[in-house]
Amino acid sequence: MPIYEYQCENCGEVTEAIQKFSDAPLTDCGDCGESTLKKLLSAPSFRLKGGGWYETDFKGGRKKNLSSSDNHCPSKDSGSSCGSCPATSH
């Protein structure tokens, strides 16, 4: 679920709320009790980590399919399998 930021127009307090997309916006300030909360426009922040769709999508040329590249396997020179790829692929 996304985290939304709200600011009270009465006292200026900024608060965060975890809400579903379908939830109605909050209106009541937790500090002053007034119904003057306004949703702020803020940029989301996240980090994609590990292997996944973003590793191979939206790339052109020879970098299109990184998962079949020999560059990802540190044991390619040792002749043994690294566990994520068969030894016969080296």
PDB file of N, CA and C in Angstrom:
ATOM      1  N   MET A   1       0.834  -1.178   0.000  1.00  0.00           N
ATOM      2  CA  MET A   1       0.000   0.000   0.000  1.00  0.00           C
ATOM      3  C   MET A   1       0.880   1.243   0.000  1.00  0.00           C
ATOM      4  N   PRO A   2       0.434   2.268  -0.671  1.00  0.00           N
ATOM      5  CA  PRO A   2       1.228   3.499  -0.736  1.00  0.00           C
ATOM      6  C   PRO A   2       1.171   4.300   0.571  1.00  0.00           C
ATOM      7  N   ILE A   3       2.195   5.100   0.754  1.00  0.00           N
ATOM      8  CA  ILE A   3       2.259   6.009   1.899  1.00  0.00           C
ATOM      9  C   ILE A   3       1.976   7.411   1.378  1.00  0.00           C
ATOM     10  N   TYR A   4       0.969   8.054   1.938  1.00  0.00           N
ATOM     11  CA  TYR A   4       0.596   9.406   1.533  1.00  0.00           C
ATOM     12  C   TYR A   4       1.037  10.405   2.602  1.00  0.00           C
ATOM     13  N   GLU A   5       1.400  11.595   2.154  1.00  0.00           N
ATOM     14  CA  GLU A   5       1.746  12.681   3.067  1.00  0.00           C
ATOM     15  C   GLU A   5       0.626  13.706   3.068  1.00  0.00           C
ATOM     16  N   TYR A   6       0.316  14.196   4.258  1.00  0.00           N
ATOM     17  CA  TYR A   6      -0.703  15.213   4.432  1.00  0.00           C
ATOM     18  C   TYR A   6      -0.121  16.357   5.239  1.00  0.00           C
ATOM     19  N   GLN A   7      -0.614  17.577   4.974  1.00  0.00           N
ATOM     20  CA  GLN A   7      -0.220  18.732   5.760  1.00  0.00           C
ATOM     21  C   GLN A   7      -1.467  19.480   6.192  1.00  0.00           C
ATOM     22  N   CYS A   8      -1.482  19.866   7.463  1.00  0.00           N
ATOM     23  CA  CYS A   8      -2.609  20.622   8.000  1.00  0.00           C
ATOM     24  C   CYS A   8      -2.447  22.089   7.604  1.00  0.00           C
ATOM     25  N   GLU A   9      -3.481  22.645   7.016  1.00  0.00           N
ATOM     26  CA  GLU A   9      -3.432  24.062   6.624  1.00  0.00           C
ATOM     27  C   GLU A   9      -3.611  24.981   7.825  1.00  0.00           C
ATOM     28  N   ASN A  10      -4.072  24.451   8.954  1.00  0.00           N
ATOM     29  CA  ASN A  10      -4.279  25.253  10.150  1.00  0.00           C
ATOM     30  C   ASN A  10      -2.993  25.367  10.982  1.00  0.00           C
ATOM     31  N   CYS A  11      -2.398  24.223  11.351  1.00  0.00           N
ATOM     32  CA  CYS A  11      -1.228  24.259  12.234  1.00  0.00           C
ATOM     33  C   CYS A  11       0.087  23.937  11.513  1.00  0.00           C
ATOM     34  N   GLY A  12       0.027  23.452  10.261  1.00  0.00           N
ATOM     35  CA  GLY A  12       1.227  23.173   9.482  1.00  0.00           C
ATOM     36  C   GLY A  12       1.833  21.801   9.721  1.00  0.00           C
ATOM     37  N   GLU A  13       1.247  20.994  10.614  1.00  0.00           N
ATOM     38  CA  GLU A  13       1.770  19.656  10.912  1.00  0.00           C
ATOM     39  C   GLU A  13       1.722  18.775   9.669  1.00  0.00           C
ATOM     40  N   VAL A  14       2.847  18.050   9.408  1.00  0.00           N
ATOM     41  CA  VAL A  14       2.922  17.115   8.287  1.00  0.00           C
ATOM     42  C   VAL A  14       2.858  15.710   8.866  1.00  0.00           C
ATOM     43  N   THR A  15       2.020  14.866   8.276  1.00  0.00           N
ATOM     44  CA  THR A  15       1.865  13.494   8.740  1.00  0.00           C
ATOM     45  C   THR A  15       1.829  12.541   7.553  1.00  0.00           C
ATOM     46  N   GLU A  16       2.142  11.276   7.804  1.00  0.00           N
ATOM     47  CA  GLU A  16       2.101  10.238   6.776  1.00  0.00           C
ATOM     48  C   GLU A  16       1.020   9.230   7.137  1.00  0.00           C
ATOM     49  N   ALA A  17       0.407   8.638   6.115  1.00  0.00           N
ATOM     50  CA  ALA A  17      -0.620   7.624   6.334  1.00  0.00           C
ATOM     51  C   ALA A  17      -0.498   6.544   5.270  1.00  0.00           C
ATOM     52  N   ILE A  18      -0.548   5.286   5.704  1.00  0.00           N
ATOM     53  CA  ILE A  18      -0.569   4.160   4.770  1.00  0.00           C
ATOM     54  C   ILE A  18      -2.024   3.902   4.437  1.00  0.00           C
ATOM     55  N   GLN A  19      -2.358   4.034   3.147  1.00  0.00           N
ATOM     56  CA  GLN A  19      -3.746   3.894   2.716  1.00  0.00           C
ATOM     57  C   GLN A  19      -3.830   3.117   1.419  1.00  0.00           C
ATOM     58  N   LYS A  20      -4.978   2.490   1.201  1.00  0.00           N
ATOM     59  CA  LYS A  20      -5.262   1.860  -0.084  1.00  0.00           C
ATOM     60  C   LYS A  20      -5.541   2.964  -1.099  1.00  0.00           C
ATOM     61  N   PHE A  21      -5.409   2.623  -2.388  1.00  0.00           N
ATOM     62  CA  PHE A  21      -5.728   3.598  -3.430  1.00  0.00           C
ATOM     63  C   PHE A  21      -7.194   4.011  -3.340  1.00  0.00           C
ATOM     64  N   SER A  22      -8.048   3.091  -2.929  1.00  0.00           N
ATOM     65  CA  SER A  22      -9.495   3.343  -2.900  1.00  0.00           C
ATOM     66  C   SER A  22      -9.956   4.078  -1.646  1.00  0.00           C
ATOM     67  N   ASP A  23      -9.085   4.239  -0.635  1.00  0.00           N
ATOM     68  CA  ASP A  23      -9.471   4.937   0.593  1.00  0.00           C
ATOM     69  C   ASP A  23      -9.680   6.424   0.336  1.00  0.00           C
ATOM     70  N   ALA A  24     -10.636   6.987   1.052  1.00  0.00           N
ATOM     71  CA  ALA A  24     -10.891   8.431   0.958  1.00  0.00           C
ATOM     72  C   ALA A  24      -9.735   9.189   1.607  1.00  0.00           C
ATOM     73  N   PRO A  25      -9.406  10.365   1.100  1.00  0.00           N
ATOM     74  CA  PRO A  25      -8.332  11.168   1.707  1.00  0.00           C
ATOM     75  C   PRO A  25      -8.673  11.544   3.147  1.00  0.00           C
ATOM     76  N   LEU A  26      -7.651  11.643   3.993  1.00  0.00           N
ATOM     77  CA  LEU A  26      -7.855  12.072   5.372  1.00  0.00           C
ATOM     78  C   LEU A  26      -8.176  13.560   5.395  1.00  0.00           C
ATOM     79  N   THR A  27      -8.953  13.977   6.384  1.00  0.00           N
ATOM     80  CA  THR A  27      -9.309  15.389   6.490  1.00  0.00           C
ATOM     81  C   THR A  27      -9.020  15.971   7.861  1.00  0.00           C
ATOM     82  N   ASP A  28      -9.048  15.159   8.917  1.00  0.00           N
ATOM     83  CA  ASP A  28      -8.891  15.660  10.281  1.00  0.00           C
ATOM     84  C   ASP A  28      -7.441  15.583  10.746  1.00  0.00           C
ATOM     85  N   CYS A  29      -6.921  16.684  11.246  1.00  0.00           N
ATOM     86  CA  CYS A  29      -5.562  16.769  11.755  1.00  0.00           C
ATOM     87  C   CYS A  29      -5.488  16.092  13.123  1.00  0.00           C
ATOM     88  N   GLY A  30      -4.460  15.273  13.328  1.00  0.00           N
ATOM     89  CA  GLY A  30      -4.263  14.596  14.602  1.00  0.00           C
ATOM     90  C   GLY A  30      -3.754  15.519  15.690  1.00  0.00           C
ATOM     91  N   ASP A  31      -3.156  16.651  15.333  1.00  0.00           N
ATOM     92  CA  ASP A  31      -2.619  17.582  16.333  1.00  0.00           C
ATOM     93  C   ASP A  31      -3.641  18.606  16.801  1.00  0.00           C
ATOM     94  N   CYS A  32      -4.221  19.341  15.856  1.00  0.00           N
ATOM     95  CA  CYS A  32      -5.124  20.428  16.251  1.00  0.00           C
ATOM     96  C   CYS A  32      -6.603  20.040  16.165  1.00  0.00           C
ATOM     97  N   GLY A  33      -6.909  18.924  15.495  1.00  0.00           N
ATOM     98  CA  GLY A  33      -8.296  18.457  15.427  1.00  0.00           C
ATOM     99  C   GLY A  33      -9.142  19.110  14.343  1.00  0.00           C
ATOM    100  N   GLU A  34      -8.582  20.062  13.633  1.00  0.00           N
ATOM    101  CA  GLU A  34      -9.324  20.740  12.568  1.00  0.00           C
ATOM    102  C   GLU A  34      -9.414  19.855  11.322  1.00  0.00           C
ATOM    103  N   SER A  35     -10.430  20.085  10.505  1.00  0.00           N
ATOM    104  CA  SER A  35     -10.618  19.340   9.250  1.00  0.00           C
ATOM    105  C   SER A  35      -9.968  20.082   8.096  1.00  0.00           C
ATOM    106  N   THR A  36      -8.643  20.287   8.211  1.00  0.00           N
ATOM    107  CA  THR A  36      -7.935  21.091   7.205  1.00  0.00           C
ATOM    108  C   THR A  36      -6.741  20.353   6.596  1.00  0.00           C
ATOM    109  N   LEU A  37      -6.730  19.015   6.637  1.00  0.00           N
ATOM    110  CA  LEU A  37      -5.629  18.268   6.027  1.00  0.00           C
ATOM    111  C   LEU A  37      -5.742  18.291   4.515  1.00  0.00           C
ATOM    112  N   LYS A  38      -4.624  18.486   3.865  1.00  0.00           N
ATOM    113  CA  LYS A  38      -4.534  18.436   2.405  1.00  0.00           C
ATOM    114  C   LYS A  38      -3.443  17.452   2.021  1.00  0.00           C
ATOM    115  N   LYS A  39      -3.721  16.630   1.020  1.00  0.00           N
ATOM    116  CA  LYS A  39      -2.741  15.639   0.554  1.00  0.00           C
ATOM    117  C   LYS A  39      -1.634  16.362  -0.202  1.00  0.00           C
ATOM    118  N   LEU A  40      -0.386  16.024   0.140  1.00  0.00           N
ATOM    119  CA  LEU A  40       0.771  16.625  -0.527  1.00  0.00           C
ATOM    120  C   LEU A  40       1.169  15.791  -1.738  1.00  0.00           C
ATOM    121  N   LEU A  41       1.750  16.437  -2.698  1.00  0.00           N
ATOM    122  CA  LEU A  41       2.305  15.767  -3.860  1.00  0.00           C
ATOM    123  C   LEU A  41       3.765  15.467  -3.562  1.00  0.00           C
ATOM    124  N   SER A  42       4.102  14.194  -3.507  1.00  0.00           N
ATOM    125  CA  SER A  42       5.477  13.820  -3.195  1.00  0.00           C
ATOM    126  C   SER A  42       5.910  12.681  -4.101  1.00  0.00           C
ATOM    127  N   ALA A  43       7.208  12.577  -4.317  1.00  0.00           N
ATOM    128  CA  ALA A  43       7.761  11.540  -5.188  1.00  0.00           C
ATOM    129  C   ALA A  43       7.979  10.258  -4.386  1.00  0.00           C
ATOM    130  N   PRO A  44       7.561   9.126  -4.935  1.00  0.00           N
ATOM    131  CA  PRO A  44       7.820   7.869  -4.235  1.00  0.00           C
ATOM    132  C   PRO A  44       9.303   7.513  -4.300  1.00  0.00           C
ATOM    133  N   SER A  45       9.758   6.790  -3.313  1.00  0.00           N
ATOM    134  CA  SER A  45      11.152   6.381  -3.270  1.00  0.00           C
ATOM    135  C   SER A  45      11.214   4.882  -3.021  1.00  0.00           C
ATOM    136  N   PHE A  46      11.860   4.164  -3.942  1.00  0.00           N
ATOM    137  CA  PHE A  46      12.051   2.733  -3.755  1.00  0.00           C
ATOM    138  C   PHE A  46      13.258   2.284  -4.550  1.00  0.00           C
ATOM    139  N   ARG A  47      13.756   1.114  -4.192  1.00  0.00           N
ATOM    140  CA  ARG A  47      14.934   0.584  -4.865  1.00  0.00           C
ATOM    141  C   ARG A  47      14.657  -0.848  -5.301  1.00  0.00           C
ATOM    142  N   LEU A  48      14.908  -1.126  -6.564  1.00  0.00           N
ATOM    143  CA  LEU A  48      14.765  -2.479  -7.066  1.00  0.00           C
ATOM    144  C   LEU A  48      16.074  -3.199  -6.810  1.00  0.00           C
ATOM    145  N   LYS A  49      15.983  -4.384  -6.206  1.00  0.00           N
ATOM    146  CA  LYS A  49      17.181  -5.087  -5.799  1.00  0.00           C
ATOM    147  C   LYS A  49      17.092  -6.540  -6.251  1.00  0.00           C
ATOM    148  N   GLY A  50      18.201  -7.093  -6.705  1.00  0.00           N
ATOM    149  CA  GLY A  50      18.235  -8.488  -7.123  1.00  0.00           C
ATOM    150  C   GLY A  50      17.892  -8.642  -8.591  1.00  0.00           C
ATOM    151  N   GLY A  51      17.689  -9.878  -9.035  1.00  0.00           N
ATOM    152  CA  GLY A  51      17.335 -10.157 -10.424  1.00  0.00           C
ATOM    153  C   GLY A  51      15.850  -9.939 -10.642  1.00  0.00           C
ATOM    154  N   GLY A  52      15.476  -9.612 -11.841  1.00  0.00           N
ATOM    155  CA  GLY A  52      14.057  -9.398 -12.105  1.00  0.00           C
ATOM    156  C   GLY A  52      13.815  -8.784 -13.453  1.00  0.00           C
ATOM    157  N   TRP A  53      12.582  -8.409 -13.714  1.00  0.00           N
ATOM    158  CA  TRP A  53      12.173  -7.898 -15.023  1.00  0.00           C
ATOM    159  C   TRP A  53      12.968  -6.667 -15.438  1.00  0.00           C
ATOM    160  N   TYR A  54      13.306  -5.802 -14.499  1.00  0.00           N
ATOM    161  CA  TYR A  54      13.983  -4.546 -14.827  1.00  0.00           C
ATOM    162  C   TYR A  54      15.410  -4.790 -15.295  1.00  0.00           C
ATOM    163  N   GLU A  55      15.967  -5.975 -14.990  1.00  0.00           N
ATOM    164  CA  GLU A  55      17.341  -6.275 -15.386  1.00  0.00           C
ATOM    165  C   GLU A  55      17.446  -6.493 -16.891  1.00  0.00           C
ATOM    166  N   THR A  56      16.393  -7.026 -17.502  1.00  0.00           N
ATOM    167  CA  THR A  56      16.459  -7.368 -18.918  1.00  0.00           C
ATOM    168  C   THR A  56      15.532  -6.537 -19.792  1.00  0.00           C
ATOM    169  N   ASP A  57      14.524  -5.930 -19.224  1.00  0.00           N
ATOM    170  CA  ASP A  57      13.586  -5.146 -20.030  1.00  0.00           C
ATOM    171  C   ASP A  57      14.141  -3.760 -20.347  1.00  0.00           C
ATOM    172  N   PHE A  58      13.627  -3.190 -21.393  1.00  0.00           N
ATOM    173  CA  PHE A  58      13.941  -1.830 -21.808  1.00  0.00           C
ATOM    174  C   PHE A  58      15.416  -1.647 -22.165  1.00  0.00           C
ATOM    175  N   LYS A  59      16.032  -2.681 -22.649  1.00  0.00           N
ATOM    176  CA  LYS A  59      17.417  -2.574 -23.108  1.00  0.00           C
ATOM    177  C   LYS A  59      17.469  -2.985 -24.565  1.00  0.00           C
ATOM    178  N   GLY A  60      18.373  -2.409 -25.292  1.00  0.00           N
ATOM    179  CA  GLY A  60      18.490  -2.732 -26.704  1.00  0.00           C
ATOM    180  C   GLY A  60      19.810  -3.411 -27.013  1.00  0.00           C
ATOM    181  N   GLY A  61      19.906  -3.929 -28.208  1.00  0.00           N
ATOM    182  CA  GLY A  61      21.165  -4.512 -28.667  1.00  0.00           C
ATOM    183  C   GLY A  61      21.537  -5.781 -27.940  1.00  0.00           C
ATOM    184  N   ARG A  62      22.841  -5.960 -27.713  1.00  0.00           N
ATOM    185  CA  ARG A  62      23.342  -7.185 -27.094  1.00  0.00           C
ATOM    186  C   ARG A  62      23.042  -7.259 -25.602  1.00  0.00           C
ATOM    187  N   LYS A  63      22.702  -6.154 -24.967  1.00  0.00           N
ATOM    188  CA  LYS A  63      22.401  -6.151 -23.541  1.00  0.00           C
ATOM    189  C   LYS A  63      20.964  -6.592 -23.245  1.00  0.00           C
ATOM    190  N   LYS A  64      20.194  -6.907 -24.279  1.00  0.00           N
ATOM    191  CA  LYS A  64      18.790  -7.247 -24.113  1.00  0.00           C
ATOM    192  C   LYS A  64      18.579  -8.414 -23.147  1.00  0.00           C
ATOM    193  N   ASN A  65      19.376  -9.459 -23.245  1.00  0.00           N
ATOM    194  CA  ASN A  65      19.166 -10.636 -22.414  1.00  0.00           C
ATOM    195  C   ASN A  65      20.389 -10.871 -21.530  1.00  0.00           C
ATOM    196  N   LEU A  66      20.443 -10.183 -20.404  1.00  0.00           N
ATOM    197  CA  LEU A  66      21.585 -10.296 -19.505  1.00  0.00           C
ATOM    198  C   LEU A  66      21.651 -11.648 -18.818  1.00  0.00           C
ATOM    199  N   SER A  67      20.516 -12.318 -18.633  1.00  0.00           N
ATOM    200  CA  SER A  67      20.514 -13.577 -17.903  1.00  0.00           C
ATOM    201  C   SER A  67      21.224 -14.684 -18.655  1.00  0.00           C
ATOM    202  N   SER A  68      21.379 -14.580 -19.977  1.00  0.00           N
ATOM    203  CA  SER A  68      22.091 -15.618 -20.713  1.00  0.00           C
ATOM    204  C   SER A  68      23.541 -15.222 -20.994  1.00  0.00           C
ATOM    205  N   SER A  69      23.961 -14.097 -20.481  1.00  0.00           N
ATOM    206  CA  SER A  69      25.323 -13.607 -20.682  1.00  0.00           C
ATOM    207  C   SER A  69      26.300 -14.334 -19.762  1.00  0.00           C
ATOM    208  N   ASP A  70      27.525 -14.539 -20.215  1.00  0.00           N
ATOM    209  CA  ASP A  70      28.555 -15.155 -19.386  1.00  0.00           C
ATOM    210  C   ASP A  70      29.097 -14.176 -18.348  1.00  0.00           C
ATOM    211  N   ASN A  71      28.772 -12.895 -18.478  1.00  0.00           N
ATOM    212  CA  ASN A  71      29.322 -11.887 -17.578  1.00  0.00           C
ATOM    213  C   ASN A  71      28.815 -12.019 -16.150  1.00  0.00           C
ATOM    214  N   HIS A  72      27.696 -12.690 -15.940  1.00  0.00           N
ATOM    215  CA  HIS A  72      27.120 -12.747 -14.606  1.00  0.00           C
ATOM    216  C   HIS A  72      27.679 -13.864 -13.753  1.00  0.00           C
ATOM    217  N   CYS A  73      28.416 -14.781 -14.316  1.00  0.00           N
ATOM    218  CA  CYS A  73      28.856 -15.971 -13.597  1.00  0.00           C
ATOM    219  C   CYS A  73      30.332 -15.861 -13.225  1.00  0.00           C
ATOM    220  N   PRO A  74      30.656 -15.754 -11.944  1.00  0.00           N
ATOM    221  CA  PRO A  74      32.050 -15.601 -11.538  1.00  0.00           C
ATOM    222  C   PRO A  74      32.873 -16.869 -11.714  1.00  0.00           C
ATOM    223  N   SER A  75      32.220 -18.030 -11.865  1.00  0.00           N
ATOM    224  CA  SER A  75      32.971 -19.280 -11.971  1.00  0.00           C
ATOM    225  C   SER A  75      33.154 -19.747 -13.406  1.00  0.00           C
ATOM    226  N   LYS A  76      32.929 -18.862 -14.390  1.00  0.00           N
ATOM    227  CA  LYS A  76      33.028 -19.290 -15.790  1.00  0.00           C
ATOM    228  C   LYS A  76      34.437 -19.722 -16.165  1.00  0.00           C
ATOM    229  N   ASP A  77      35.444 -19.157 -15.512  1.00  0.00           N
ATOM    230  CA  ASP A  77      36.820 -19.527 -15.827  1.00  0.00           C
ATOM    231  C   ASP A  77      37.276 -20.775 -15.075  1.00  0.00           C
ATOM    232  N   SER A  78      36.567 -21.112 -13.974  1.00  0.00           N
ATOM    233  CA  SER A  78      36.995 -22.250 -13.168  1.00  0.00           C
ATOM    234  C   SER A  78      36.496 -23.572 -13.718  1.00  0.00           C
ATOM    235  N   GLY A  79      35.522 -23.548 -14.631  1.00  0.00           N
ATOM    236  CA  GLY A  79      34.992 -24.769 -15.216  1.00  0.00           C
ATOM    237  C   GLY A  79      33.922 -25.421 -14.383  1.00  0.00           C
ATOM    238  N   SER A  80      33.604 -24.874 -13.209  1.00  0.00           N
ATOM    239  CA  SER A  80      32.548 -25.439 -12.381  1.00  0.00           C
ATOM    240  C   SER A  80      31.312 -24.559 -12.461  1.00  0.00           C
ATOM    241  N   SER A  81      30.209 -25.093 -12.010  1.00  0.00           N
ATOM    242  CA  SER A  81      28.945 -24.359 -12.048  1.00  0.00           C
ATOM    243  C   SER A  81      28.878 -23.391 -10.879  1.00  0.00           C
ATOM    244  N   CYS A  82      28.252 -22.238 -11.085  1.00  0.00           N
ATOM    245  CA  CYS A  82      28.098 -21.265 -10.015  1.00  0.00           C
ATOM    246  C   CYS A  82      26.815 -21.493  -9.232  1.00  0.00           C
ATOM    247  N   GLY A  83      26.017 -22.453  -9.657  1.00  0.00           N
ATOM    248  CA  GLY A  83      24.767 -22.728  -8.968  1.00  0.00           C
ATOM    249  C   GLY A  83      23.571 -22.124  -9.674  1.00  0.00           C
ATOM    250  N   SER A  84      23.760 -21.015 -10.350  1.00  0.00           N
ATOM    251  CA  SER A  84      22.646 -20.384 -11.049  1.00  0.00           C
ATOM    252  C   SER A  84      22.631 -20.714 -12.534  1.00  0.00           C
ATOM    253  N   CYS A  85      23.705 -21.346 -13.025  1.00  0.00           N
ATOM    254  CA  CYS A  85      23.738 -21.734 -14.417  1.00  0.00           C
ATOM    255  C   CYS A  85      24.444 -23.082 -14.548  1.00  0.00           C
ATOM    256  N   PRO A  86      24.072 -23.894 -15.550  1.00  0.00           N
ATOM    257  CA  PRO A  86      24.711 -25.189 -15.700  1.00  0.00           C
ATOM    258  C   PRO A  86      26.173 -25.052 -16.115  1.00  0.00           C
ATOM    259  N   ALA A  87      26.989 -26.012 -15.698  1.00  0.00           N
ATOM    260  CA  ALA A  87      28.426 -25.978 -16.002  1.00  0.00           C
ATOM    261  C   ALA A  87      28.688 -26.100 -17.490  1.00  0.00           C
ATOM    262  N   THR A  88      27.757 -26.679 -18.242  1.00  0.00           N
ATOM    263  CA  THR A  88      27.944 -26.850 -19.676  1.00  0.00           C
ATOM    264  C   THR A  88      27.793 -25.555 -20.457  1.00  0.00           C
ATOM    265  N   SER A  89      27.276 -24.495 -19.812  1.00  0.00           N
ATOM    266  CA  SER A  89      27.074 -23.235 -20.533  1.00  0.00           C
ATOM    267  C   SER A  89      28.342 -22.394 -20.592  1.00  0.00           C
ATOM    268  N   HIS A  90      29.412 -22.810 -19.919  1.00  0.00           N
ATOM    269  CA  HIS A  90      30.648 -22.005 -19.881  1.00  0.00           C
ATOM    270  C   HIS A  90      31.539 -22.361 -21.042  1.00  0.00           C
TER     271      HIS A  90
END
